[in-house]
C-alpha atoms as a PDB file:
ATOM      1  CA  MET A   1     -99.801   7.492 103.575  1.00  0.00           C
ATOM      2  CA  GLU A   2    -102.898   9.646 103.905  1.00  0.00           C
ATOM      3  CA  ARG A   3    -104.946   7.479 101.884  1.00  0.00           C
ATOM      4  CA  ARG A   4    -103.509   4.289 103.934  1.00  0.00           C
ATOM      5  CA  LEU A   5    -104.318   5.435 107.153  1.00  0.00           C
ATOM      6  CA  SER A   6    -107.356   6.488 106.447  1.00  0.00           C
ATOM      7  CA  GLY A   7    -109.762   4.427 109.037  1.00  0.00           C
ATOM      8  CA  ARG A   8    -106.700   2.575 110.638  1.00  0.00           C
ATOM      9  CA  ARG A   9    -104.648   3.521 113.652  1.00  0.00           C
ATOM     10  CA  TRP A  10    -101.453   2.212 111.816  1.00  0.00           C
ATOM     11  CA  MET A  11    -100.266   1.424 108.129  1.00  0.00           C
ATOM     12  CA  MET A  12    -101.333  -2.250 109.061  1.00  0.00           C
ATOM     13  CA  ASP A  13    -104.252  -1.358 110.726  1.00  0.00           C
ATOM     14  CA  ASP A  14    -104.298  -1.405 114.110  1.00  0.00           C
ATOM     15  CA  GLU A  15    -101.208  -2.807 114.813  1.00  0.00           C
ATOM     16  CA  TYR A  16     -97.775  -1.253 115.130  1.00  0.00           C
ATOM     17  CA  THR A  17     -95.378  -2.516 112.572  1.00  0.00           C
ATOM     18  CA  ILE A  18     -92.337  -2.305 111.082  1.00  0.00           C
ATOM     19  CA  ALA A  19     -93.685  -0.684 108.622  1.00  0.00           C
ATOM     20  CA  ASP A  20     -94.486   2.243 110.811  1.00  0.00           C
ATOM     21  CA  ILE A  21     -90.999   2.159 112.486  1.00  0.00           C
ATOM     22  CA  SER A  22     -89.391   2.365 109.159  1.00  0.00           C
ATOM     23  CA  LEU A  23     -91.435   5.875 108.352  1.00  0.00           C
ATOM     24  CA  LEU A  24     -91.405   7.213 111.408  1.00  0.00           C
ATOM     25  CA  GLY A  25     -88.035   8.666 110.656  1.00  0.00           C
ATOM     26  CA  TRP A  26     -88.581   9.363 107.371  1.00  0.00           C
ATOM     27  CA  VAL A  27     -91.445  11.370 108.124  1.00  0.00           C
ATOM     28  CA  ARG A  28     -90.090  12.909 110.972  1.00  0.00           C
ATOM     29  CA  ASN A  29     -87.032  13.991 108.967  1.00  0.00           C
ATOM     30  CA  LEU A  30     -88.966  15.168 105.756  1.00  0.00           C
ATOM     31  CA  ILE A  31     -91.007  17.710 108.148  1.00  0.00           C
ATOM     32  CA  GLY A  32     -88.119  18.493 110.656  1.00  0.00           C
ATOM     33  CA  PHE A  33     -84.744  18.361 109.416  1.00  0.00           C
ATOM     34  CA  TYR A  34     -85.434  18.767 105.610  1.00  0.00           C
ATOM     35  CA  GLY A  35     -87.671  21.701 106.391  1.00  0.00           C
ATOM     36  CA  ALA A  36     -90.150  20.202 103.858  1.00  0.00           C
ATOM     37  CA  ARG A  37     -93.802  20.521 105.603  1.00  0.00           C
ATOM     38  CA  GLU A  38     -94.786  23.267 103.369  1.00  0.00           C
ATOM     39  CA  LEU A  39     -93.080  22.114 100.094  1.00  0.00           C
ATOM     40  CA  VAL A  40     -95.101  18.791 100.697  1.00  0.00           C
ATOM     41  CA  ALA A  41     -98.615  20.509 102.438  1.00  0.00           C
ATOM     42  CA  PHE A  42     -97.553  18.500 105.756  1.00  0.00           C
ATOM     43  CA  ASP A  43    -100.568  20.537 107.738  1.00  0.00           C
ATOM     44  CA  SER A  44    -103.455  20.102 105.031  1.00  0.00           C
ATOM     45  CA  PHE A  45    -103.129  16.181 106.249  1.00  0.00           C
ATOM     46  CA  ALA A  46    -105.357  15.010 108.732  1.00  0.00           C
ATOM     47  CA  ASN A  47    -104.325  11.179 109.244  1.00  0.00           C
ATOM     48  CA  VAL A  48    -100.351  11.804 108.747  1.00  0.00           C
ATOM     49  CA  PRO A  49     -99.603  14.184 111.308  1.00  0.00           C
ATOM     50  CA  ALA A  50    -102.263  12.128 113.585  1.00  0.00           C
ATOM     51  CA  TRP A  51     -99.898   8.876 113.030  1.00  0.00           C
ATOM     52  CA  LEU A  52     -96.460  10.523 113.104  1.00  0.00           C
ATOM     53  CA  GLU A  53     -98.211  12.273 117.123  1.00  0.00           C
ATOM     54  CA  ARG A  54     -99.096   8.526 117.573  1.00  0.00           C
ATOM     55  CA  GLY A  55     -95.679   7.041 116.795  1.00  0.00           C
ATOM     56  CA  LEU A  56     -93.214   9.612 118.209  1.00  0.00           C
ATOM     57  CA  ALA A  57     -95.238   9.238 121.234  1.00  0.00           C
ATOM     58  CA  ARG A  58     -94.626   5.650 121.894  1.00  0.00           C
ATOM     59  CA  PRO A  59     -92.056   4.805 124.767  1.00  0.00           C
ATOM     60  CA  ALA A  60     -89.804   3.099 122.853  1.00  0.00           C
ATOM     61  CA  VAL A  61     -89.589   5.843 120.442  1.00  0.00           C
ATOM     62  CA  GLN A  62     -88.888   8.704 122.969  1.00  0.00           C
ATOM     63  CA  ARG A  63     -86.308   6.558 124.210  1.00  0.00           C
ATOM     64  CA  GLY A  64     -84.545   6.089 121.044  1.00  0.00           C
ATOM     65  CA  LEU A  65     -84.880   9.911 120.547  1.00  0.00           C
ATOM     66  CA  GLU A  66     -83.135  10.600 123.669  1.00  0.00           C
ATOM     67  CA  ILE A  67     -79.950   9.168 122.571  1.00  0.00           C
ATOM     68  CA  PRO A  68     -77.210  11.920 121.663  1.00  0.00           C
ATOM     69  CA  ASN A  69     -75.758  11.816 118.247  1.00  0.00           C
ATOM     70  CA  GLY A  70     -77.878   8.945 117.434  1.00  0.00           C
ATOM     71  CA  ARG A  71     -75.728   6.692 119.494  1.00  0.00           C
ATOM     72  CA  GLU A  72     -75.439   5.713 123.348  1.00  0.00           C
ATOM     73  CA  GLN A  73     -72.544   7.632 124.581  1.00  0.00           C
ATOM     74  CA  VAL A  74     -70.172   5.088 126.754  1.00  0.00           C
ATOM     75  CA  ASP A  75     -68.024   5.922 128.954  1.00  0.00           C
ATOM     76  CA  ALA A  76     -64.220   5.176 128.210  1.00  0.00           C
ATOM     77  CA  PRO A  77     -62.692   2.454 130.402  1.00  0.00           C
ATOM     78  CA  ALA A  78     -60.866   3.797 133.091  1.00  0.00           C
END
């Protein structure tokens, strides 16, 4: 990923695509949920952390991250 992102804003160059969407969760969970930041030397990279920050800052991604427990809460019928 580090090499692929060299000189690119997104995985497929300047366009945010399904490639980015599919990888954002994996990378976020790798360093967050699985706690592998040090194991994969995440902080030694330049391009991947910048890409992750750009991706997580997208409004649609932010809305998705705000959904509790991974799904929208729906009020039960009265």
